[in-house]
Amino acid sequence: MSIPSKPTDVKPESNVKLTMEELRYMTLFNDITGVAPRDCIIDEERNAIVFIVDAGRSAQAIGRRGSNVRQLSKLLGKNVEVVEWAENLEDFVKNIFMPARVIGIKLVTSPMGKRILYVTVDPKDKGIAIGKNGKNVAKARLVLKRYYNIDTIVIV
């Protein structure tokens, strides 16, 4: 197994390609929230759309008491989630699992080449980090696979 010297040394992939459907969702998101998203990831299994927004823009994107997210969710007939972008893996993982308190992360590459991310959370926040029926871990897996080619996420 190989371990990068620090998780912050891992750089995101830059070859993300958007479909026409994702571009349409991003335009609608921008029209409703006033925030231009960096990316849009459609999760058919969970009937959800995850929007990635620039750092510091999530509150505006979500809207007062979640009004923008509720409006988008109603229009699209899907759950809408907003994740704030971060330039390094550790901060990005913290943003994905918010409001759970992430204490640390460790990225390991198995002998078969699978990339496994161990996320250590405050013991009181383990349930929040996992989410109902594992929905937060599924969201994290989807987003981190796209940007960092991470195959498995383990909450510890």
C-alpha atoms as a PDB file:
ATOM      1  CA  MET A   1       0.000   0.000   0.000  1.00  0.00           C
ATOM      2  CA  SER A   2       1.246   3.474  -0.767  1.00  0.00           C
ATOM      3  CA  ILE A   3       0.293   6.509   1.234  1.00  0.00           C
ATOM      4  CA  PRO A   4       0.810  10.075   0.003  1.00  0.00           C
ATOM      5  CA  SER A   5       2.948  12.115   2.378  1.00  0.00           C
ATOM      6  CA  LYS A   6      -0.057  14.283   3.237  1.00  0.00           C
ATOM      7  CA  PRO A   7      -3.645  14.191   1.943  1.00  0.00           C
ATOM      8  CA  THR A   8      -3.227  17.853   1.018  1.00  0.00           C
ATOM      9  CA  ASP A   9      -0.607  16.763  -1.591  1.00  0.00           C
ATOM     10  CA  VAL A  10      -3.306  15.027  -3.638  1.00  0.00           C
ATOM     11  CA  LYS A  11      -4.541  17.208  -6.506  1.00  0.00           C
ATOM     12  CA  PRO A  12      -8.026  17.011  -8.038  1.00  0.00           C
ATOM     13  CA  GLU A  13      -8.594  15.707 -11.548  1.00  0.00           C
ATOM     14  CA  SER A  14      -9.153  18.491 -14.045  1.00  0.00           C
ATOM     15  CA  ASN A  15     -10.700  16.514 -16.897  1.00  0.00           C
ATOM     16  CA  VAL A  16     -14.331  16.634 -15.728  1.00  0.00           C
ATOM     17  CA  LYS A  17     -16.728  16.583 -18.693  1.00  0.00           C
ATOM     18  CA  LEU A  18     -20.292  17.858 -18.382  1.00  0.00           C
ATOM     19  CA  THR A  19     -23.331  16.470 -20.187  1.00  0.00           C
ATOM     20  CA  MET A  20     -26.012  18.685 -21.738  1.00  0.00           C
ATOM     21  CA  GLU A  21     -28.379  17.710 -18.911  1.00  0.00           C
ATOM     22  CA  GLU A  22     -25.822  18.794 -16.279  1.00  0.00           C
ATOM     23  CA  LEU A  23     -25.278  22.094 -18.109  1.00  0.00           C
ATOM     24  CA  ARG A  24     -29.055  22.731 -18.144  1.00  0.00           C
ATOM     25  CA  TYR A  25     -29.263  22.025 -14.395  1.00  0.00           C
ATOM     26  CA  MET A  26     -26.312  24.360 -13.779  1.00  0.00           C
ATOM     27  CA  THR A  27     -28.015  27.172 -15.726  1.00  0.00           C
ATOM     28  CA  LEU A  28     -31.235  26.719 -13.738  1.00  0.00           C
ATOM     29  CA  PHE A  29     -29.235  26.647 -10.482  1.00  0.00           C
ATOM     30  CA  ASN A  30     -27.525  29.922 -11.461  1.00  0.00           C
ATOM     31  CA  ASP A  31     -30.850  31.555 -12.410  1.00  0.00           C
ATOM     32  CA  ILE A  32     -32.514  30.654  -9.093  1.00  0.00           C
ATOM     33  CA  THR A  33     -29.597  31.151  -6.673  1.00  0.00           C
ATOM     34  CA  GLY A  34     -27.482  33.815  -8.352  1.00  0.00           C
ATOM     35  CA  VAL A  35     -24.476  31.536  -7.824  1.00  0.00           C
ATOM     36  CA  ALA A  36     -22.649  29.993 -10.788  1.00  0.00           C
ATOM     37  CA  PRO A  37     -21.856  26.382  -9.830  1.00  0.00           C
ATOM     38  CA  ARG A  38     -18.465  24.840 -10.639  1.00  0.00           C
ATOM     39  CA  ASP A  39     -20.004  21.449 -11.322  1.00  0.00           C
ATOM     40  CA  CYS A  40     -23.185  19.403 -11.211  1.00  0.00           C
ATOM     41  CA  ILE A  41     -23.285  15.675 -10.499  1.00  0.00           C
ATOM     42  CA  ILE A  42     -26.466  13.705 -11.132  1.00  0.00           C
ATOM     43  CA  ASP A  43     -26.995  10.719  -8.835  1.00  0.00           C
ATOM     44  CA  GLU A  44     -29.727   8.572 -10.405  1.00  0.00           C
ATOM     45  CA  GLU A  45     -29.598   5.948  -7.618  1.00  0.00           C
ATOM     46  CA  ARG A  46     -30.438   8.439  -4.872  1.00  0.00           C
ATOM     47  CA  ASN A  47     -32.576  10.676  -7.144  1.00  0.00           C
ATOM     48  CA  ALA A  48     -30.312  13.597  -6.255  1.00  0.00           C
ATOM     49  CA  ILE A  49     -28.249  16.343  -7.846  1.00  0.00           C
ATOM     50  CA  VAL A  50     -25.094  17.615  -6.163  1.00  0.00           C
ATOM     51  CA  PHE A  51     -23.928  21.111  -7.071  1.00  0.00           C
ATOM     52  CA  ILE A  52     -20.348  22.149  -6.325  1.00  0.00           C
ATOM     53  CA  VAL A  53     -20.008  25.898  -5.650  1.00  0.00           C
ATOM     54  CA  ASP A  54     -16.994  28.120  -5.040  1.00  0.00           C
ATOM     55  CA  ALA A  55     -15.709  28.544  -1.482  1.00  0.00           C
ATOM     56  CA  GLY A  56     -17.801  30.982   0.519  1.00  0.00           C
ATOM     57  CA  ARG A  57     -20.836  30.779  -1.807  1.00  0.00           C
ATOM     58  CA  SER A  58     -22.802  27.896  -0.267  1.00  0.00           C
ATOM     59  CA  ALA A  59     -24.939  30.049   2.060  1.00  0.00           C
ATOM     60  CA  GLN A  60     -26.122  32.213  -0.857  1.00  0.00           C
ATOM     61  CA  ALA A  61     -26.693  29.121  -3.007  1.00  0.00           C
ATOM     62  CA  ILE A  62     -28.747  27.355  -0.318  1.00  0.00           C
ATOM     63  CA  GLY A  63     -30.787  30.493   0.404  1.00  0.00           C
ATOM     64  CA  ARG A  64     -32.422  31.727   3.563  1.00  0.00           C
ATOM     65  CA  ARG A  65     -33.642  28.687   5.486  1.00  0.00           C
ATOM     66  CA  GLY A  66     -32.930  26.508   2.444  1.00  0.00           C
ATOM     67  CA  SER A  67     -35.423  28.323   0.192  1.00  0.00           C
ATOM     68  CA  ASN A  68     -33.335  28.039  -3.011  1.00  0.00           C
ATOM     69  CA  VAL A  69     -32.628  24.344  -2.490  1.00  0.00           C
ATOM     70  CA  ARG A  70     -36.311  23.656  -1.760  1.00  0.00           C
ATOM     71  CA  GLN A  71     -37.401  25.548  -4.885  1.00  0.00           C
ATOM     72  CA  LEU A  72     -34.883  23.693  -7.084  1.00  0.00           C
ATOM     73  CA  SER A  73     -35.840  20.363  -5.558  1.00  0.00           C
ATOM     74  CA  LYS A  74     -39.523  21.008  -6.281  1.00  0.00           C
ATOM     75  CA  LEU A  75     -38.819  22.092  -9.888  1.00  0.00           C
ATOM     76  CA  LEU A  76     -36.512  19.176 -10.678  1.00  0.00           C
ATOM     77  CA  GLY A  77     -38.272  16.479  -8.674  1.00  0.00           C
ATOM     78  CA  LYS A  78     -34.927  15.477  -7.154  1.00  0.00           C
ATOM     79  CA  ASN A  79     -33.092  16.078  -3.893  1.00  0.00           C
ATOM     80  CA  VAL A  80     -30.678  18.992  -4.316  1.00  0.00           C
ATOM     81  CA  GLU A  81     -27.447  19.190  -2.336  1.00  0.00           C
ATOM     82  CA  VAL A  82     -24.786  21.907  -2.306  1.00  0.00           C
ATOM     83  CA  VAL A  83     -21.110  21.270  -1.537  1.00  0.00           C
ATOM     84  CA  GLU A  84     -18.497  23.994  -1.220  1.00  0.00           C
ATOM     85  CA  TRP A  85     -15.332  23.522  -3.303  1.00  0.00           C
ATOM     86  CA  ALA A  86     -11.880  23.411  -1.695  1.00  0.00           C
ATOM     87  CA  GLU A  87      -8.494  23.249  -3.387  1.00  0.00           C
ATOM     88  CA  ASN A  88      -7.172  20.411  -1.214  1.00  0.00           C
ATOM     89  CA  LEU A  89      -8.627  16.987  -0.452  1.00  0.00           C
ATOM     90  CA  GLU A  90      -8.860  17.377   3.325  1.00  0.00           C
ATOM     91  CA  ASP A  91     -10.853  20.625   3.194  1.00  0.00           C
ATOM     92  CA  PHE A  92     -13.052  19.261   0.398  1.00  0.00           C
ATOM     93  CA  VAL A  93     -13.867  16.169   2.484  1.00  0.00           C
ATOM     94  CA  LYS A  94     -14.731  18.426   5.452  1.00  0.00           C
ATOM     95  CA  ASN A  95     -17.102  20.399   3.210  1.00  0.00           C
ATOM     96  CA  ILE A  96     -18.745  17.245   1.836  1.00  0.00           C
ATOM     97  CA  PHE A  97     -19.448  15.837   5.310  1.00  0.00           C
ATOM     98  CA  MET A  98     -20.535  19.167   6.853  1.00  0.00           C
ATOM     99  CA  PRO A  99     -21.996  19.507   9.550  1.00  0.00           C
ATOM    100  CA  ALA A 100     -20.196  16.387  10.853  1.00  0.00           C
ATOM    101  CA  ARG A 101     -16.807  17.304  12.327  1.00  0.00           C
ATOM    102  CA  VAL A 102     -14.044  15.636  10.321  1.00  0.00           C
ATOM    103  CA  ILE A 103     -10.945  15.159  12.496  1.00  0.00           C
ATOM    104  CA  GLY A 104      -8.659  13.788   9.789  1.00  0.00           C
ATOM    105  CA  ILE A 105      -8.339  11.775   6.614  1.00  0.00           C
ATOM    106  CA  LYS A 106      -5.946   9.157   5.286  1.00  0.00           C
ATOM    107  CA  LEU A 107      -5.736   8.127   1.636  1.00  0.00           C
ATOM    108  CA  VAL A 108      -4.407   4.631   0.969  1.00  0.00           C
ATOM    109  CA  THR A 109      -3.783   2.888  -2.356  1.00  0.00           C
ATOM    110  CA  SER A 110      -4.232  -0.889  -2.182  1.00  0.00           C
ATOM    111  CA  PRO A 111      -1.897  -3.313  -4.011  1.00  0.00           C
ATOM    112  CA  MET A 112      -4.631  -3.717  -6.658  1.00  0.00           C
ATOM    113  CA  GLY A 113      -4.657   0.038  -7.256  1.00  0.00           C
ATOM    114  CA  LYS A 114      -7.923   0.836  -5.431  1.00  0.00           C
ATOM    115  CA  ARG A 115      -7.868   4.178  -3.647  1.00  0.00           C
ATOM    116  CA  ILE A 116      -9.429   4.034  -0.178  1.00  0.00           C
ATOM    117  CA  LEU A 117     -10.132   7.143   1.891  1.00  0.00           C
ATOM    118  CA  TYR A 118     -10.400   6.728   5.660  1.00  0.00           C
ATOM    119  CA  VAL A 119     -12.334   9.629   7.178  1.00  0.00           C
ATOM    120  CA  THR A 120     -12.050  10.079  10.946  1.00  0.00           C
ATOM    121  CA  VAL A 121     -14.993  11.957  12.436  1.00  0.00           C
ATOM    122  CA  ASP A 122     -15.899  13.036  15.937  1.00  0.00           C
ATOM    123  CA  PRO A 123     -17.539   9.935  17.524  1.00  0.00           C
ATOM    124  CA  LYS A 124     -20.698  11.969  18.282  1.00  0.00           C
ATOM    125  CA  ASP A 125     -21.012  12.838  14.563  1.00  0.00           C
ATOM    126  CA  LYS A 126     -20.598   9.355  13.088  1.00  0.00           C
ATOM    127  CA  GLY A 127     -24.324   9.001  12.375  1.00  0.00           C
ATOM    128  CA  ILE A 128     -24.438  12.438  10.726  1.00  0.00           C
ATOM    129  CA  ALA A 129     -21.387  11.599   8.598  1.00  0.00           C
ATOM    130  CA  ILE A 130     -22.885   8.322   7.369  1.00  0.00           C
ATOM    131  CA  GLY A 131     -26.391   9.750   6.881  1.00  0.00           C
ATOM    132  CA  LYS A 132     -29.712   7.960   6.686  1.00  0.00           C
ATOM    133  CA  ASN A 133     -29.185   4.689   4.764  1.00  0.00           C
ATOM    134  CA  GLY A 134     -25.604   5.804   4.031  1.00  0.00           C
ATOM    135  CA  LYS A 135     -26.690   8.727   1.831  1.00  0.00           C
ATOM    136  CA  ASN A 136     -23.828  11.035   2.894  1.00  0.00           C
ATOM    137  CA  VAL A 137     -21.200   8.374   2.232  1.00  0.00           C
ATOM    138  CA  ALA A 138     -22.801   7.680  -1.170  1.00  0.00           C
ATOM    139  CA  LYS A 139     -22.686  11.404  -2.004  1.00  0.00           C
ATOM    140  CA  ALA A 140     -19.045  11.605  -0.894  1.00  0.00           C
ATOM    141  CA  ARG A 141     -18.139   8.523  -2.963  1.00  0.00           C
ATOM    142  CA  LEU A 142     -19.761  10.030  -6.063  1.00  0.00           C
ATOM    143  CA  VAL A 143     -18.056  13.428  -5.697  1.00  0.00           C
ATOM    144  CA  LEU A 144     -14.643  12.086  -4.666  1.00  0.00           C
ATOM    145  CA  LYS A 145     -14.640   9.476  -7.456  1.00  0.00           C
ATOM    146  CA  ARG A 146     -15.153  12.273  -9.964  1.00  0.00           C
ATOM    147  CA  TYR A 147     -12.425  14.561  -8.631  1.00  0.00           C
ATOM    148  CA  TYR A 148      -9.877  12.296  -6.929  1.00  0.00           C
ATOM    149  CA  ASN A 149     -10.615   8.839  -8.381  1.00  0.00           C
ATOM    150  CA  ILE A 150     -11.302   7.474  -4.877  1.00  0.00           C
ATOM    151  CA  ASP A 151     -13.024   4.069  -4.954  1.00  0.00           C
ATOM    152  CA  THR A 152     -13.998   3.477  -1.324  1.00  0.00           C
ATOM    153  CA  ILE A 153     -14.758   5.672   1.672  1.00  0.00           C
ATOM    154  CA  VAL A 154     -14.563   4.314   5.211  1.00  0.00           C
ATOM    155  CA  ILE A 155     -15.870   6.351   8.160  1.00  0.00           C
ATOM    156  CA  VAL A 156     -13.878   5.712  11.347  1.00  0.00           C
END
